[in-house]
Structure formats: C-alpha cells, structure tokens
C-alpha atoms as a PDB file:
ATOM      1  CA  MET A   1     149.627 100.965 123.595  1.00  0.00           C
ATOM      2  CA  THR A   2     152.435 103.395 124.403  1.00  0.00           C
ATOM      3  CA  PRO A   3     152.469 105.768 127.437  1.00  0.00           C
ATOM      4  CA  ALA A   4     151.819 108.669 125.047  1.00  0.00           C
ATOM      5  CA  GLU A   5     148.594 106.909 124.035  1.00  0.00           C
ATOM      6  CA  ARG A   6     147.606 105.725 127.536  1.00  0.00           C
ATOM      7  CA  TRP A   7     147.740 109.137 129.215  1.00  0.00           C
ATOM      8  CA  PRO A   8     144.967 110.711 127.090  1.00  0.00           C
ATOM      9  CA  ALA A   9     143.041 107.438 127.295  1.00  0.00           C
ATOM     10  CA  ILE A  10     143.149 107.615 131.099  1.00  0.00           C
ATOM     11  CA  LEU A  11     142.031 111.255 131.083  1.00  0.00           C
ATOM     12  CA  LEU A  12     139.063 110.348 128.887  1.00  0.00           C
ATOM     13  CA  GLN A  13     137.967 107.771 131.480  1.00  0.00           C
ATOM     14  CA  LEU A  14     138.038 110.112 134.483  1.00  0.00           C
ATOM     15  CA  GLU A  15     135.320 112.519 135.655  1.00  0.00           C
ATOM     16  CA  PRO A  16     134.963 114.851 138.676  1.00  0.00           C
ATOM     17  CA  ASP A  17     131.913 113.143 140.202  1.00  0.00           C
ATOM     18  CA  THR A  18     132.877 109.484 139.726  1.00  0.00           C
ATOM     19  CA  TRP A  19     135.744 107.465 141.154  1.00  0.00           C
ATOM     20  CA  LYS A  20     137.413 105.027 138.754  1.00  0.00           C
ATOM     21  CA  ARG A  21     139.368 102.097 140.212  1.00  0.00           C
ATOM     22  CA  ALA A  22     142.709 101.049 138.767  1.00  0.00           C
ATOM     23  CA  GLU A  23     141.106  97.691 137.965  1.00  0.00           C
ATOM     24  CA  ASP A  24     138.442  99.407 135.833  1.00  0.00           C
ATOM     25  CA  LEU A  25     141.010 101.594 134.072  1.00  0.00           C
ATOM     26  CA  ALA A  26     143.210  98.586 133.339  1.00  0.00           C
ATOM     27  CA  GLN A  27     140.273  96.706 131.825  1.00  0.00           C
ATOM     28  CA  ALA A  28     139.220  99.702 129.718  1.00  0.00           C
ATOM     29  CA  LEU A  29     142.760 100.234 128.378  1.00  0.00           C
ATOM     30  CA  GLY A  30     143.665  96.569 128.012  1.00  0.00           C
ATOM     31  CA  VAL A  31     146.722  96.818 130.288  1.00  0.00           C
ATOM     32  CA  SER A  32     147.731  95.585 133.745  1.00  0.00           C
ATOM     33  CA  GLU A  33     146.835  97.354 136.995  1.00  0.00           C
ATOM     34  CA  ARG A  34     150.555  97.817 137.601  1.00  0.00           C
ATOM     35  CA  THR A  35     150.799  99.763 134.355  1.00  0.00           C
ATOM     36  CA  VAL A  36     147.896 101.988 135.443  1.00  0.00           C
ATOM     37  CA  TYR A  37     149.561 102.712 138.807  1.00  0.00           C
ATOM     38  CA  ARG A  38     152.824 103.562 137.040  1.00  0.00           C
ATOM     39  CA  ASP A  39     151.104 105.828 134.492  1.00  0.00           C
ATOM     40  CA  VAL A  40     149.051 107.651 137.131  1.00  0.00           C
ATOM     41  CA  GLN A  41     152.176 108.282 139.216  1.00  0.00           C
ATOM     42  CA  ALA A  42     153.981 109.648 136.136  1.00  0.00           C
ATOM     43  CA  MET A  43     151.008 111.859 135.257  1.00  0.00           C
ATOM     44  CA  VAL A  44     150.889 113.324 138.775  1.00  0.00           C
ATOM     45  CA  GLU A  45     154.639 113.983 138.683  1.00  0.00           C
ATOM     46  CA  ALA A  46     154.139 115.731 135.318  1.00  0.00           C
ATOM     47  CA  GLY A  47     151.573 118.070 136.867  1.00  0.00           C
ATOM     48  CA  VAL A  48     148.252 116.451 135.934  1.00  0.00           C
ATOM     49  CA  PRO A  49     145.990 117.161 138.972  1.00  0.00           C
ATOM     50  CA  LEU A  50     144.607 113.654 139.528  1.00  0.00           C
ATOM     51  CA  GLN A  51     142.961 112.796 142.849  1.00  0.00           C
ATOM     52  CA  GLY A  52     143.418 109.314 144.314  1.00  0.00           C
ATOM     53  CA  VAL A  53     141.904 107.614 147.352  1.00  0.00           C
ATOM     54  CA  PRO A  54     142.832 104.037 148.375  1.00  0.00           C
ATOM     55  CA  GLY A  55     139.887 101.714 147.912  1.00  0.00           C
ATOM     56  CA  LYS A  56     137.935 104.255 145.827  1.00  0.00           C
ATOM     57  CA  GLY A  57     140.139 104.984 142.832  1.00  0.00           C
ATOM     58  CA  TYR A  58     140.941 108.098 140.833  1.00  0.00           C
ATOM     59  CA  ARG A  59     139.152 111.152 139.521  1.00  0.00           C
ATOM     60  CA  VAL A  60     139.880 114.677 138.270  1.00  0.00           C
ATOM     61  CA  PRO A  61     139.003 117.745 140.398  1.00  0.00           C
ATOM     62  CA  GLU A  62     135.847 119.761 139.766  1.00  0.00           C
ATOM     63  CA  ASP A  63     137.705 122.725 138.282  1.00  0.00           C
ATOM     64  CA  TYR A  64     139.673 120.547 135.860  1.00  0.00           C
ATOM     65  CA  LEU A  65     136.848 120.359 133.318  1.00  0.00           C
ATOM     66  CA  LEU A  66     135.455 123.509 131.730  1.00  0.00           C
ATOM     67  CA  ALA A  67     131.781 124.235 131.288  1.00  0.00           C
ATOM     68  CA  PRO A  68     130.281 122.903 128.016  1.00  0.00           C
ATOM     69  CA  VAL A  69     131.235 125.006 124.982  1.00  0.00           C
ATOM     70  CA  THR A  70     129.255 125.165 121.743  1.00  0.00           C
ATOM     71  CA  LEU A  71     131.520 124.973 118.686  1.00  0.00           C
ATOM     72  CA  THR A  72     130.832 125.251 114.989  1.00  0.00           C
ATOM     73  CA  THR A  73     132.139 122.498 112.722  1.00  0.00           C
ATOM     74  CA  ASP A  74     134.826 124.831 111.337  1.00  0.00           C
ATOM     75  CA  GLU A  75     135.964 125.719 114.873  1.00  0.00           C
ATOM     76  CA  ALA A  76     136.226 122.042 115.782  1.00  0.00           C
ATOM     77  CA  VAL A  77     138.208 121.219 112.630  1.00  0.00           C
ATOM     78  CA  MET A  78     140.670 124.042 113.354  1.00  0.00           C
ATOM     79  CA  LEU A  79     141.065 122.901 116.957  1.00  0.00           C
ATOM     80  CA  ILE A  80     141.794 119.352 115.768  1.00  0.00           C
ATOM     81  CA  LEU A  81     144.518 120.678 113.464  1.00  0.00           C
ATOM     82  CA  GLY A  82     145.991 122.728 116.296  1.00  0.00           C
ATOM     83  CA  SER A  83     145.843 119.858 118.806  1.00  0.00           C
ATOM     84  CA  ALA A  84     147.602 117.520 116.341  1.00  0.00           C
ATOM     85  CA  TYR A  85     150.409 120.078 115.978  1.00  0.00           C
ATOM     86  CA  ALA A  86     150.619 120.613 119.750  1.00  0.00           C
ATOM     87  CA  ALA A  87     150.741 116.866 120.424  1.00  0.00           C
ATOM     88  CA  GLN A  88     153.874 116.605 118.265  1.00  0.00           C
ATOM     89  CA  ASN A  89     155.622 119.599 119.839  1.00  0.00           C
ATOM     90  CA  PHE A  90     154.932 119.111 123.566  1.00  0.00           C
ATOM     91  CA  ASP A  91     155.550 116.287 126.015  1.00  0.00           C
ATOM     92  CA  GLY A  92     153.966 114.985 129.169  1.00  0.00           C
ATOM     93  CA  ARG A  93     150.724 116.478 130.420  1.00  0.00           C
ATOM     94  CA  TYR A  94     150.374 118.863 127.473  1.00  0.00           C
ATOM     95  CA  ARG A  95     150.749 116.137 124.864  1.00  0.00           C
ATOM     96  CA  ALA A  96     148.186 114.055 126.774  1.00  0.00           C
ATOM     97  CA  ALA A  97     145.832 117.051 126.934  1.00  0.00           C
ATOM     98  CA  ALA A  98     146.218 117.726 123.203  1.00  0.00           C
ATOM     99  CA  ARG A  99     145.515 114.105 122.278  1.00  0.00           C
ATOM    100  CA  SER A 100     142.527 113.710 124.603  1.00  0.00           C
ATOM    101  CA  GLY A 101     141.069 117.002 123.345  1.00  0.00           C
ATOM    102  CA  GLN A 102     141.479 115.842 119.768  1.00  0.00           C
ATOM    103  CA  ARG A 103     139.733 112.548 120.491  1.00  0.00           C
ATOM    104  CA  LYS A 104     136.827 114.307 122.197  1.00  0.00           C
ATOM    105  CA  LEU A 105     136.327 116.461 119.113  1.00  0.00           C
ATOM    106  CA  ASP A 106     136.701 113.435 116.813  1.00  0.00           C
ATOM    107  CA  ALA A 107     133.914 111.704 118.708  1.00  0.00           C
ATOM    108  CA  VAL A 108     131.336 114.459 118.174  1.00  0.00           C
ATOM    109  CA  LEU A 109     132.180 115.587 114.640  1.00  0.00           C
ATOM    110  CA  PRO A 110     130.119 114.320 111.695  1.00  0.00           C
ATOM    111  CA  SER A 111     132.022 111.716 109.678  1.00  0.00           C
ATOM    112  CA  GLU A 112     132.527 114.071 106.709  1.00  0.00           C
ATOM    113  CA  ALA A 113     134.036 116.806 108.902  1.00  0.00           C
ATOM    114  CA  ARG A 114     136.215 114.268 110.737  1.00  0.00           C
ATOM    115  CA  GLU A 115     137.601 112.955 107.443  1.00  0.00           C
ATOM    116  CA  ARG A 116     138.197 116.540 106.316  1.00  0.00           C
ATOM    117  CA  ALA A 117     140.234 117.196 109.460  1.00  0.00           C
ATOM    118  CA  PHE A 118     142.330 114.047 108.917  1.00  0.00           C
ATOM    119  CA  ALA A 119     143.008 114.985 105.290  1.00  0.00           C
ATOM    120  CA  LEU A 120     144.002 118.537 106.218  1.00  0.00           C
ATOM    121  CA  GLN A 121     146.493 117.266 108.803  1.00  0.00           C
ATOM    122  CA  GLY A 122     148.443 115.762 105.925  1.00  0.00           C
ATOM    123  CA  SER A 123     148.180 118.639 103.459  1.00  0.00           C
ATOM    124  CA  VAL A 124     148.149 121.827 105.586  1.00  0.00           C
ATOM    125  CA  HIS A 125     151.545 121.939 107.300  1.00  0.00           C
ATOM    126  CA  LEU A 126     151.414 123.947 110.521  1.00  0.00           C
ATOM    127  CA  VAL A 127     154.831 125.521 111.034  1.00  0.00           C
ATOM    128  CA  PRO A 128     155.855 128.823 112.614  1.00  0.00           C
ATOM    129  CA  PRO A 129     157.161 131.561 110.314  1.00  0.00           C
ATOM    130  CA  SER A 130     160.761 130.872 109.343  1.00  0.00           C
ATOM    131  CA  ALA A 131     163.422 133.151 110.777  1.00  0.00           C
ATOM    132  CA  PHE A 132     164.954 133.130 107.318  1.00  0.00           C
ATOM    133  CA  GLY A 133     161.683 133.652 105.454  1.00  0.00           C
ATOM    134  CA  THR A 134     160.031 136.899 104.418  1.00  0.00           C
ATOM    135  CA  PRO A 135     156.705 138.490 105.432  1.00  0.00           C
ATOM    136  CA  THR A 136     155.615 138.116 101.804  1.00  0.00           C
ATOM    137  CA  GLU A 137     156.206 134.362 101.763  1.00  0.00           C
ATOM    138  CA  ASP A 138     154.535 133.941 105.180  1.00  0.00           C
ATOM    139  CA  GLY A 139     151.510 135.802 103.805  1.00  0.00           C
ATOM    140  CA  HIS A 140     151.442 133.520 100.759  1.00  0.00           C
ATOM    141  CA  LEU A 141     151.484 130.458 103.034  1.00  0.00           C
ATOM    142  CA  GLN A 142     148.597 131.804 105.114  1.00  0.00           C
ATOM    143  CA  ARG A 143     146.451 132.417 102.032  1.00  0.00           C
ATOM    144  CA  VAL A 144     147.246 128.994 100.574  1.00  0.00           C
ATOM    145  CA  ARG A 145     146.356 127.295 103.854  1.00  0.00           C
ATOM    146  CA  GLN A 146     143.056 129.190 103.897  1.00  0.00           C
ATOM    147  CA  ALA A 147     142.374 128.098 100.330  1.00  0.00           C
ATOM    148  CA  LEU A 148     143.126 124.469 101.251  1.00  0.00           C
ATOM    149  CA  VAL A 149     140.747 124.540 104.209  1.00  0.00           C
ATOM    150  CA  GLU A 150     137.939 126.289 102.297  1.00  0.00           C
ATOM    151  CA  GLU A 151     138.653 124.454  99.001  1.00  0.00           C
ATOM    152  CA  ARG A 152     138.813 127.734  97.073  1.00  0.00           C
ATOM    153  CA  SER A 153     140.814 128.403  93.917  1.00  0.00           C
ATOM    154  CA  ILE A 154     143.722 130.834  94.000  1.00  0.00           C
ATOM    155  CA  THR A 155     145.103 133.239  91.408  1.00  0.00           C
ATOM    156  CA  ALA A 156     148.859 133.772  91.527  1.00  0.00           C
ATOM    157  CA  VAL A 157     151.031 136.367  89.793  1.00  0.00           C
ATOM    158  CA  VAL A 158     154.252 134.504  88.972  1.00  0.00           C
ATOM    159  CA  SER A 159     157.621 135.972  87.968  1.00  0.00           C
ATOM    160  CA  PRO A 160     160.167 133.144  87.505  1.00  0.00           C
ATOM    161  CA  PRO A 161     163.810 134.273  87.134  1.00  0.00           C
ATOM    162  CA  GLY A 162     164.525 135.178  83.519  1.00  0.00           C
ATOM    163  CA  ALA A 163     160.915 134.661  82.398  1.00  0.00           C
ATOM    164  CA  PRO A 164     158.014 137.057  81.799  1.00  0.00           C
ATOM    165  CA  GLU A 165     155.328 137.602  84.429  1.00  0.00           C
ATOM    166  CA  THR A 166     152.316 135.299  84.115  1.00  0.00           C
ATOM    167  CA  GLN A 167     149.058 134.706  85.979  1.00  0.00           C
ATOM    168  CA  ARG A 168     148.052 131.215  87.037  1.00  0.00           C
ATOM    169  CA  THR A 169     144.817 129.935  88.573  1.00  0.00           C
ATOM    170  CA  MET A 170     145.004 126.763  90.647  1.00  0.00           C
ATOM    171  CA  ASN A 171     142.856 124.474  92.750  1.00  0.00           C
ATOM    172  CA  PRO A 172     145.310 123.805  95.606  1.00  0.00           C
ATOM    173  CA  TYR A 173     145.464 120.186  96.792  1.00  0.00           C
ATOM    174  CA  GLY A 174     148.372 120.463  99.228  1.00  0.00           C
ATOM    175  CA  LEU A 175     151.618 122.101 100.322  1.00  0.00           C
ATOM    176  CA  LEU A 176     154.997 120.477  99.767  1.00  0.00           C
ATOM    177  CA  GLN A 177     158.299 121.611 101.265  1.00  0.00           C
ATOM    178  CA  LYS A 178     161.641 120.678  99.693  1.00  0.00           C
ATOM    179  CA  GLY A 179     164.510 122.066 101.716  1.00  0.00           C
ATOM    180  CA  ALA A 180     163.644 125.696 102.431  1.00  0.00           C
ATOM    181  CA  THR A 181     161.354 125.993  99.393  1.00  0.00           C
ATOM    182  CA  TRP A 182     157.566 125.706  99.496  1.00  0.00           C
ATOM    183  CA  TYR A 183     155.470 124.443  96.587  1.00  0.00           C
ATOM    184  CA  VAL A 184     151.708 124.418  96.057  1.00  0.00           C
ATOM    185  CA  VAL A 185     150.509 121.201  94.415  1.00  0.00           C
ATOM    186  CA  GLY A 186     147.200 121.485  92.590  1.00  0.00           C
ATOM    187  CA  TYR A 187     145.228 121.575  89.385  1.00  0.00           C
ATOM    188  CA  ASP A 188     146.510 124.310  87.078  1.00  0.00           C
ATOM    189  CA  HIS A 189     143.616 125.776  85.064  1.00  0.00           C
ATOM    190  CA  GLU A 190     145.838 127.170  82.297  1.00  0.00           C
ATOM    191  CA  ARG A 191     147.779 123.929  81.829  1.00  0.00           C
ATOM    192  CA  SER A 192     144.760 121.657  82.451  1.00  0.00           C
ATOM    193  CA  ARG A 193     146.786 119.311  84.626  1.00  0.00           C
ATOM    194  CA  VAL A 194     148.243 118.849  88.096  1.00  0.00           C
ATOM    195  CA  ALA A 195     151.332 121.021  88.544  1.00  0.00           C
ATOM    196  CA  HIS A 196     153.641 122.678  91.070  1.00  0.00           C
ATOM    197  CA  LEU A 197     153.716 126.361  91.954  1.00  0.00           C
ATOM    198  CA  ARG A 198     156.941 127.530  93.595  1.00  0.00           C
ATOM    199  CA  LEU A 199     156.055 130.132  96.226  1.00  0.00           C
ATOM    200  CA  GLY A 200     159.436 131.800  95.815  1.00  0.00           C
ATOM    201  CA  ASP A 201     158.408 132.801  92.263  1.00  0.00           C
ATOM    202  CA  VAL A 202     155.060 134.258  93.349  1.00  0.00           C
ATOM    203  CA  ASP A 203     154.574 138.023  93.652  1.00  0.00           C
ATOM    204  CA  ASP A 204     150.950 137.927  94.774  1.00  0.00           C
ATOM    205  CA  ILE A 205     148.253 135.381  95.659  1.00  0.00           C
ATOM    206  CA  THR A 206     144.538 136.105  95.679  1.00  0.00           C
ATOM    207  CA  LEU A 207     141.731 133.836  96.864  1.00  0.00           C
ATOM    208  CA  THR A 208     138.895 133.626  94.365  1.00  0.00           C
ATOM    209  CA  ASP A 209     135.223 132.985  95.038  1.00  0.00           C
ATOM    210  CA  GLN A 210     135.390 129.816  92.955  1.00  0.00           C
ATOM    211  CA  THR A 211     135.249 126.593  94.976  1.00  0.00           C
ATOM    212  CA  PHE A 212     136.247 123.091  93.958  1.00  0.00           C
ATOM    213  CA  ASP A 213     136.012 119.512  95.184  1.00  0.00           C
ATOM    214  CA  ARG A 214     139.354 117.967  96.009  1.00  0.00           C
ATOM    215  CA  PRO A 215     139.705 114.764  93.918  1.00  0.00           C
ATOM    216  CA  ASP A 216     139.231 111.423  95.635  1.00  0.00           C
ATOM    217  CA  SER A 217     142.937 110.714  95.204  1.00  0.00           C
ATOM    218  CA  TYR A 218     143.759 113.658  97.485  1.00  0.00           C
ATOM    219  CA  ARG A 219     141.177 113.116 100.193  1.00  0.00           C
ATOM    220  CA  THR A 220     139.730 110.239 102.167  1.00  0.00           C
ATOM    221  CA  PRO A 221     136.410 108.531 101.373  1.00  0.00           C
ATOM    222  CA  PRO A 222     133.372 110.246 102.973  1.00  0.00           C
ATOM    223  CA  ASP A 223     132.437 107.058 104.823  1.00  0.00           C
ATOM    224  CA  GLY A 224     135.806 106.998 106.589  1.00  0.00           C
ATOM    225  CA  PRO A 225     138.761 104.619 106.499  1.00  0.00           C
ATOM    226  CA  ASP A 226     138.185 100.912 105.947  1.00  0.00           C
ATOM    227  CA  THR A 227     140.945  99.867 108.342  1.00  0.00           C
ATOM    228  CA  ASN A 228     141.680 100.415 112.014  1.00  0.00           C
ATOM    229  CA  PRO A 229     143.882 103.419 112.874  1.00  0.00           C
ATOM    230  CA  THR A 230     147.603 102.659 112.956  1.00  0.00           C
ATOM    231  CA  THR A 231     150.236 104.407 115.070  1.00  0.00           C
ATOM    232  CA  LYS A 232     153.520 103.135 113.609  1.00  0.00           C
ATOM    233  CA  VAL A 233     154.485 103.664 109.966  1.00  0.00           C
ATOM    234  CA  ARG A 234     157.788 102.433 108.485  1.00  0.00           C
ATOM    235  CA  ILE A 235     158.825 103.853 105.112  1.00  0.00           C
ATOM    236  CA  ILE A 236     161.985 103.865 103.003  1.00  0.00           C
ATOM    237  CA  PHE A 237     163.131 106.588 100.602  1.00  0.00           C
ATOM    238  CA  ALA A 238     165.253 106.081  97.493  1.00  0.00           C
ATOM    239  CA  SER A 239     168.855 107.254  97.830  1.00  0.00           C
ATOM    240  CA  GLU A 240     168.491 109.960  95.156  1.00  0.00           C
ATOM    241  CA  VAL A 241     165.894 111.867  97.223  1.00  0.00           C
ATOM    242  CA  THR A 242     167.275 111.185 100.709  1.00  0.00           C
ATOM    243  CA  PRO A 243     169.007 114.610 100.987  1.00  0.00           C
ATOM    244  CA  SER A 244     165.709 116.368 100.165  1.00  0.00           C
ATOM    245  CA  VAL A 245     163.449 114.574 102.647  1.00  0.00           C
ATOM    246  CA  GLN A 246     161.774 117.039 105.020  1.00  0.00           C
ATOM    247  CA  VAL A 247     159.293 115.678 107.566  1.00  0.00           C
ATOM    248  CA  ALA A 248     156.398 117.952 108.501  1.00  0.00           C
ATOM    249  CA  PRO A 249     156.321 119.043 112.182  1.00  0.00           C
ATOM    250  CA  SER A 250     152.920 117.355 112.540  1.00  0.00           C
ATOM    251  CA  LEU A 251     154.601 113.956 111.946  1.00  0.00           C
ATOM    252  CA  HIS A 252     156.656 112.458 114.768  1.00  0.00           C
ATOM    253  CA  VAL A 253     159.841 110.647 113.727  1.00  0.00           C
ATOM    254  CA  ALA A 254     160.406 107.736 116.125  1.00  0.00           C
ATOM    255  CA  ASP A 255     163.505 106.411 114.362  1.00  0.00           C
ATOM    256  CA  ARG A 256     165.740 107.404 111.456  1.00  0.00           C
ATOM    257  CA  GLU A 257     168.499 105.311 109.908  1.00  0.00           C
ATOM    258  CA  TYR A 258     170.432 105.052 106.645  1.00  0.00           C
ATOM    259  CA  THR A 259     171.076 101.830 104.761  1.00  0.00           C
ATOM    260  CA  SER A 260     174.468 100.927 103.309  1.00  0.00           C
ATOM    261  CA  ASP A 261     173.296 101.968  99.833  1.00  0.00           C
ATOM    262  CA  GLY A 262     172.201 105.453 100.959  1.00  0.00           C
ATOM    263  CA  ARG A 263     168.462 104.904 101.373  1.00  0.00           C
ATOM    264  CA  LEU A 264     166.613 106.529 104.288  1.00  0.00           C
ATOM    265  CA  LEU A 265     164.475 104.391 106.569  1.00  0.00           C
ATOM    266  CA  LEU A 266     161.984 106.310 108.715  1.00  0.00           C
ATOM    267  CA  THR A 267     159.710 105.077 111.468  1.00  0.00           C
ATOM    268  CA  LEU A 268     156.857 107.506 112.129  1.00  0.00           C
ATOM    269  CA  GLU A 269     154.324 107.570 114.953  1.00  0.00           C
ATOM    270  CA  VAL A 270     150.997 109.102 113.908  1.00  0.00           C
ATOM    271  CA  ASP A 271     147.486 109.242 115.310  1.00  0.00           C
ATOM    272  CA  HIS A 272     146.036 107.968 112.044  1.00  0.00           C
ATOM    273  CA  GLU A 273     147.471 106.743 108.753  1.00  0.00           C
ATOM    274  CA  LEU A 274     145.485 109.420 106.888  1.00  0.00           C
ATOM    275  CA  GLU A 275     147.808 112.065 108.344  1.00  0.00           C
ATOM    276  CA  VAL A 276     150.763 110.724 106.368  1.00  0.00           C
ATOM    277  CA  LEU A 277     148.953 109.670 103.173  1.00  0.00           C
ATOM    278  CA  PRO A 278     149.087 112.994 101.238  1.00  0.00           C
ATOM    279  CA  TRP A 279     152.768 113.415 102.141  1.00  0.00           C
ATOM    280  CA  LEU A 280     153.608 109.908 100.918  1.00  0.00           C
ATOM    281  CA  LEU A 281     151.692 110.466  97.682  1.00  0.00           C
ATOM    282  CA  SER A 282     153.722 113.611  97.040  1.00  0.00           C
ATOM    283  CA  TRP A 283     156.928 111.528  96.846  1.00  0.00           C
ATOM    284  CA  GLY A 284     155.573 109.270  94.111  1.00  0.00           C
ATOM    285  CA  ARG A 285     157.784 106.304  93.233  1.00  0.00           C
ATOM    286  CA  HIS A 286     160.638 107.572  95.438  1.00  0.00           C
ATOM    287  CA  VAL A 287     159.109 106.189  98.647  1.00  0.00           C
ATOM    288  CA  ARG A 288     157.879 102.736  99.646  1.00  0.00           C
ATOM    289  CA  VAL A 289     155.780 101.822 102.683  1.00  0.00           C
ATOM    290  CA  LEU A 290     157.114  98.815 104.597  1.00  0.00           C
ATOM    291  CA  GLU A 291     154.363  98.683 107.190  1.00  0.00           C
ATOM    292  CA  PRO A 292     151.524  98.631 108.050  1.00  0.00           C
ATOM    293  CA  ARG A 293     150.073  96.454 105.321  1.00  0.00           C
ATOM    294  CA  ALA A 294     146.789  98.401 105.408  1.00  0.00           C
ATOM    295  CA  LEU A 295     148.617 101.620 104.502  1.00  0.00           C
ATOM    296  CA  ARG A 296     150.502  99.863 101.670  1.00  0.00           C
ATOM    297  CA  LYS A 297     147.142  98.751 100.275  1.00  0.00           C
ATOM    298  CA  ARG A 298     145.586 102.212 100.651  1.00  0.00           C
ATOM    299  CA  LEU A 299     148.579 103.930  99.042  1.00  0.00           C
ATOM    300  CA  ALA A 300     148.494 101.536  96.082  1.00  0.00           C
ATOM    301  CA  THR A 301     144.769 102.179  95.648  1.00  0.00           C
ATOM    302  CA  GLU A 302     145.224 105.953  95.767  1.00  0.00           C
ATOM    303  CA  ALA A 303     148.143 105.772  93.324  1.00  0.00           C
ATOM    304  CA  ARG A 304     145.980 103.863  90.839  1.00  0.00           C
ATOM    305  CA  ARG A 305     143.241 106.476  91.232  1.00  0.00           C
ATOM    306  CA  VAL A 306     145.758 109.230  90.559  1.00  0.00           C
ATOM    307  CA  ALA A 307     146.954 107.435  87.428  1.00  0.00           C
ATOM    308  CA  ASP A 308     143.387 106.914  86.223  1.00  0.00           C
ATOM    309  CA  GLN A 309     142.398 110.511  86.850  1.00  0.00           C
ATOM    310  CA  TYR A 310     145.536 112.191  85.524  1.00  0.00           C
ATOM    311  CA  ARG A 311     146.824 110.052  82.691  1.00  0.00           C
ATOM    312  CA  ASP A 312     150.209 111.030  81.288  1.00  0.00           C
ATOM    313  CA  MET A 313     150.628 113.536  84.119  1.00  0.00           C
ATOM    314  CA  PRO A 314     154.010 113.953  85.867  1.00  0.00           C
ATOM    315  CA  THR A 315     154.525 112.739  89.406  1.00  0.00           C
ATOM    316  CA  LEU A 316     154.375 115.358  92.147  1.00  0.00           C
ATOM    317  CA  LEU A 317     158.159 115.600  92.199  1.00  0.00           C
ATOM    318  CA  ASP A 318     158.752 115.950  88.442  1.00  0.00           C
END
C-alpha cells in the first residue's frame, strides 16, 4: 500500500468522538506502527487537522466532519467522477480527501450504480476546456458527456471537408482523444455498426429522448468485478501508434519509457482496473497488457465479446 493509498485509509478510520491508537491503525492497514507515525506526521505537515494525544491515539476534530447529507444516486455518481479527477490532479491532503470521499460514496451506492460510476470514469474524460479549442467544440463535448451518463442517443449534423452535409444518429459508448482531436465512439444507426464521429466535423449535436443500453462489451457486469481491485497497470503500445498515445487526465502515469524498437511502455496507477478498461479497448490490437494478469484476462474476455457482438466490424482505431 502506497502513501497515497494509506492517507485516505487512515482518514476513514478516524472519528471525532473516538481515539484510535497507532497500533490499531497499523493492524487495520496491514502496516507497521512506524509507518503509521510517519504517515500521520506527513499528514499534519500537509495541513490535515489530526489531533494526537500520547497514550490515547489520534482523532479528527469535531468540525472536520460535516453533518449528514442526503444525496440522490445521480449526485453520488457525479461526485465519484469528480473525486476521481481531483485525486489525479492534486497532491497531499486534497488527494487523500478526494480518495476517502470516493470510497465513502462507493460503500453506500447500490452495486449497479457503483459499476456505472466505474465505467464512466473510463469513458467520460473530465478535462478543462482547451485554450486552443472553440466554444462550439466545448459545447459538443458537454452534450456528449451528458448523453454518455444518461445513455441517450444523439443526433449530429456532420459536414466533413469536401463532402455534403449529413445527419447521423448514434448511441455513444465513449469519447476518444487522438492528439487534439476528439471522437465519439458508438453505434451508428444509419450504418448499423460501431463507428467514429469526429467532433471537428460536427456542426450541431442534439440529445434525443431515445435511450439505449450500453453493450456488455462497453460496461462492467452488474454484479461487479470478479477480481480484487488493482492499483498498478503495465501496458505496452505498438511503435506505429506511440506518437498518438494520449493518456486521459483521470489516469495517473507512474512511469513512461520507450523500448529500443520504438514501443511505449506505460505504468499506470489507478483506483480500479475498470477505469482503464474502456481506454484499452479503444486501442484494439495496438496495445497489450503486461500486468496484472486479472486485467489481461478481463480484456481478452471483453475483446471476444466485442468480436461476437460486432462481427466484421472495424477496430475502434480503423
């Protein structure tokens, strides 16, 4: 367990009206008491208002915890998405707060809503508006993200360069970014197959009232994952796509290196393997998972399901 994982775990153990000894915290986290002392000292230095008394232990002050708040399922799912993004873009006390908040929400959400939140973390990329983008494109991204969350079909007016204007209706399954260009990946009603929609060619996007069920190959099973969550993922990209690899801000890159033959080896740190699954599927045969073994197995299973469901269909990068 890394310090980034231990800090939120410690916060989840502490309450205002109960003292928790370092011995108890160490046993709960599966680490040494020395590690607990070191982490607590680092948390205090980072601004976390922990209270400590020799012989009694640690606790958080009364005003550290807010009064109970009643949330709807949709509110909780949105907060989980936001906390995952914040955890990847802040350090110290704020990363710990984002992770502990996410875990508290995970614990009370129904399994179906929890799986929905995990799936959305991989398909709804949370990024600020680009300084080089346009208000039109930012508006398109907002509507597509809404359609992804609500599983609603979209109608797009498309004007590719040198081609006549057309109208396309899609069931969006995810967003894919290649360089500075965004694509919607989904089921194209007119073409009766999975296809890409380049946002740069879109003049207008409208959400319809028609809903759809995202295929099993693009979402996790309703009964949850069949393996324990994994935090480290090692993957390698083929040399021909290495220049195009863009990692979503919600995914933390722990290490990046290039092999002698031009392939890209990435080590990612994620809260759950489901966060990276849709992104890996979007790269098709151009990426290979090295570890963990459970993710290799899951990716192979999902790839077979995609092949069974969309026979003779192009890969997501064709």
